Amino acid sequence: MSFSKSENKSTDLNQIPAETLSRQEVRKYDLENKLAELAVPLAQAWKDNHPDAQPGCEADLDACVLAVAIEMAIAGEAVGGPVGALITDGGGVAAASVACRRVL
């Protein structure tokens, strides 16, 4: 099983001594993980609506990521502010990718 860049990043961050991380890096890491957690139910809903989706199929993964990223972008616009901007500027896509890989 291959891991996405964001999944590898999470693993790498756990191996870095805490004192070398800035508060901003820790907050960003926490936010990325929370976004991925929030995206999992969306990815699961997509999978439930597409019962023929195959785990190893890149087309299915791409379709799931696109659908979840759209929902995350809508949520980001609704939230607004800096967090909303982070979500709509790519945080939602990264979270969707992680979530879809988890459920497929």
C-alpha atoms as a PDB file:
ATOM      1  CA  MET A   1       0.000   0.000   0.000  1.00  0.00           C
ATOM      2  CA  SER A   2       1.411   3.356  -0.945  1.00  0.00           C
ATOM      3  CA  PHE A   3       1.013   6.416   1.228  1.00  0.00           C
ATOM      4  CA  SER A   4       0.176   9.893   0.055  1.00  0.00           C
ATOM      5  CA  LYS A   5       2.522  12.793   0.763  1.00  0.00           C
ATOM      6  CA  SER A   6       0.282  14.021   3.579  1.00  0.00           C
ATOM      7  CA  GLU A   7       0.270  10.580   5.209  1.00  0.00           C
ATOM      8  CA  ASN A   8       4.061  10.400   4.940  1.00  0.00           C
ATOM      9  CA  LYS A   9       4.290  13.917   6.305  1.00  0.00           C
ATOM     10  CA  SER A  10       2.259  12.921   9.355  1.00  0.00           C
ATOM     11  CA  THR A  11       4.535   9.972   9.990  1.00  0.00           C
ATOM     12  CA  ASP A  12       7.656  12.095   9.544  1.00  0.00           C
ATOM     13  CA  LEU A  13       6.332  14.744  11.904  1.00  0.00           C
ATOM     14  CA  ASN A  14       5.901  12.169  14.659  1.00  0.00           C
ATOM     15  CA  GLN A  15       9.592  11.287  14.404  1.00  0.00           C
ATOM     16  CA  ILE A  16      10.801  14.871  14.863  1.00  0.00           C
ATOM     17  CA  PRO A  17      11.608  15.876  18.444  1.00  0.00           C
ATOM     18  CA  ALA A  18       8.834  18.143  19.728  1.00  0.00           C
ATOM     19  CA  GLU A  19      11.227  20.909  20.771  1.00  0.00           C
ATOM     20  CA  THR A  20      12.335  21.421  17.149  1.00  0.00           C
ATOM     21  CA  LEU A  21       8.802  22.171  15.940  1.00  0.00           C
ATOM     22  CA  SER A  22       7.361  25.658  15.964  1.00  0.00           C
ATOM     23  CA  ARG A  23       3.937  26.286  17.447  1.00  0.00           C
ATOM     24  CA  GLN A  24       2.707  27.121  13.955  1.00  0.00           C
ATOM     25  CA  GLU A  25       3.912  23.769  12.574  1.00  0.00           C
ATOM     26  CA  VAL A  26       2.210  21.900  15.414  1.00  0.00           C
ATOM     27  CA  ARG A  27      -1.058  23.801  14.869  1.00  0.00           C
ATOM     28  CA  LYS A  28      -0.926  23.168  11.121  1.00  0.00           C
ATOM     29  CA  TYR A  29      -0.263  19.468  11.720  1.00  0.00           C
ATOM     30  CA  ASP A  30      -3.176  19.265  14.164  1.00  0.00           C
ATOM     31  CA  LEU A  31      -5.481  21.072  11.749  1.00  0.00           C
ATOM     32  CA  GLU A  32      -4.507  18.818   8.842  1.00  0.00           C
ATOM     33  CA  ASN A  33      -5.280  15.743  10.946  1.00  0.00           C
ATOM     34  CA  LYS A  34      -8.628  17.179  12.080  1.00  0.00           C
ATOM     35  CA  LEU A  35      -9.574  17.996   8.495  1.00  0.00           C
ATOM     36  CA  ALA A  36      -8.742  14.432   7.454  1.00  0.00           C
ATOM     37  CA  GLU A  37     -10.904  13.103  10.312  1.00  0.00           C
ATOM     38  CA  LEU A  38     -13.780  15.325   9.191  1.00  0.00           C
ATOM     39  CA  ALA A  39     -13.388  14.142   5.604  1.00  0.00           C
ATOM     40  CA  VAL A  40     -13.655  10.425   6.460  1.00  0.00           C
ATOM     41  CA  PRO A  41     -17.484  10.417   6.828  1.00  0.00           C
ATOM     42  CA  LEU A  42     -17.753  12.230   3.492  1.00  0.00           C
ATOM     43  CA  ALA A  43     -15.506   9.652   1.853  1.00  0.00           C
ATOM     44  CA  GLN A  44     -17.488   6.839   3.455  1.00  0.00           C
ATOM     45  CA  ALA A  45     -20.720   8.342   2.151  1.00  0.00           C
ATOM     46  CA  TRP A  46     -19.195   8.487  -1.343  1.00  0.00           C
ATOM     47  CA  LYS A  47     -18.127   4.852  -1.058  1.00  0.00           C
ATOM     48  CA  ASP A  48     -21.601   3.832   0.155  1.00  0.00           C
ATOM     49  CA  ASN A  49     -23.109   5.545  -2.906  1.00  0.00           C
ATOM     50  CA  HIS A  50     -20.605   3.784  -5.194  1.00  0.00           C
ATOM     51  CA  PRO A  51     -20.639   0.145  -4.044  1.00  0.00           C
ATOM     52  CA  ASP A  52     -18.747  -1.022  -7.137  1.00  0.00           C
ATOM     53  CA  ALA A  53     -15.733   1.197  -6.356  1.00  0.00           C
ATOM     54  CA  GLN A  54     -12.515  -0.796  -6.303  1.00  0.00           C
ATOM     55  CA  PRO A  55      -9.751  -0.150  -3.718  1.00  0.00           C
ATOM     56  CA  GLY A  56      -6.898  -0.215  -6.235  1.00  0.00           C
ATOM     57  CA  CYS A  57      -8.646   1.763  -8.958  1.00  0.00           C
ATOM     58  CA  GLU A  58      -7.125   5.212  -9.477  1.00  0.00           C
ATOM     59  CA  ALA A  59     -10.250   6.436 -11.285  1.00  0.00           C
ATOM     60  CA  ASP A  60     -12.410   5.569  -8.267  1.00  0.00           C
ATOM     61  CA  LEU A  61      -9.912   7.198  -5.917  1.00  0.00           C
ATOM     62  CA  ASP A  62      -9.848  10.336  -8.064  1.00  0.00           C
ATOM     63  CA  ALA A  63     -13.655  10.485  -8.186  1.00  0.00           C
ATOM     64  CA  CYS A  64     -13.861  10.100  -4.409  1.00  0.00           C
ATOM     65  CA  VAL A  65     -11.203  12.775  -3.802  1.00  0.00           C
ATOM     66  CA  LEU A  66     -12.959  15.178  -6.164  1.00  0.00           C
ATOM     67  CA  ALA A  67     -16.359  14.690  -4.527  1.00  0.00           C
ATOM     68  CA  VAL A  68     -14.997  15.000  -0.984  1.00  0.00           C
ATOM     69  CA  ALA A  69     -12.793  17.995  -1.879  1.00  0.00           C
ATOM     70  CA  ILE A  70     -15.825  19.815  -3.304  1.00  0.00           C
ATOM     71  CA  GLU A  71     -17.740  19.242  -0.069  1.00  0.00           C
ATOM     72  CA  MET A  72     -14.722  20.389   1.956  1.00  0.00           C
ATOM     73  CA  ALA A  73     -14.461  23.552  -0.175  1.00  0.00           C
ATOM     74  CA  ILE A  74     -18.133  24.314   0.425  1.00  0.00           C
ATOM     75  CA  ALA A  75     -17.571  23.857   4.149  1.00  0.00           C
ATOM     76  CA  GLY A  76     -14.469  26.061   4.002  1.00  0.00           C
ATOM     77  CA  GLU A  77     -16.424  28.865   2.394  1.00  0.00           C
ATOM     78  CA  ALA A  78     -19.123  28.518   5.042  1.00  0.00           C
ATOM     79  CA  VAL A  79     -16.564  28.653   7.872  1.00  0.00           C
ATOM     80  CA  GLY A  80     -14.722  31.647   6.421  1.00  0.00           C
ATOM     81  CA  GLY A  81     -11.776  33.353   8.057  1.00  0.00           C
ATOM     82  CA  PRO A  82      -8.247  31.896   8.121  1.00  0.00           C
ATOM     83  CA  VAL A  83      -9.440  28.326   8.693  1.00  0.00           C
ATOM     84  CA  GLY A  84     -11.864  28.549   5.792  1.00  0.00           C
ATOM     85  CA  ALA A  85      -9.100  29.940   3.608  1.00  0.00           C
ATOM     86  CA  LEU A  86      -6.800  27.074   4.579  1.00  0.00           C
ATOM     87  CA  ILE A  87      -9.480  24.549   3.672  1.00  0.00           C
ATOM     88  CA  THR A  88     -10.326  26.124   0.318  1.00  0.00           C
ATOM     89  CA  ASP A  89      -6.652  26.742  -0.552  1.00  0.00           C
ATOM     90  CA  GLY A  90      -5.831  23.039  -0.621  1.00  0.00           C
ATOM     91  CA  GLY A  91      -6.322  21.725   2.885  1.00  0.00           C
ATOM     92  CA  GLY A  92      -9.601  20.168   1.850  1.00  0.00           C
ATOM     93  CA  VAL A  93      -8.005  18.390  -1.111  1.00  0.00           C
ATOM     94  CA  ALA A  94      -5.252  16.924   1.065  1.00  0.00           C
ATOM     95  CA  ALA A  95      -7.822  15.832   3.650  1.00  0.00           C
ATOM     96  CA  ALA A  96     -10.010  14.306   0.931  1.00  0.00           C
ATOM     97  CA  SER A  97      -7.060  12.353  -0.437  1.00  0.00           C
ATOM     98  CA  VAL A  98      -6.208  10.913   2.974  1.00  0.00           C
ATOM     99  CA  ALA A  99      -9.853  10.105   3.752  1.00  0.00           C
ATOM    100  CA  CYS A 100     -10.547   8.427   0.421  1.00  0.00           C
ATOM    101  CA  ARG A 101      -7.414   6.303   0.719  1.00  0.00           C
ATOM    102  CA  ARG A 102      -8.576   5.196   4.160  1.00  0.00           C
ATOM    103  CA  VAL A 103     -12.034   4.103   3.051  1.00  0.00           C
ATOM    104  CA  LEU A 104     -11.147   2.577  -0.322  1.00  0.00           C
END
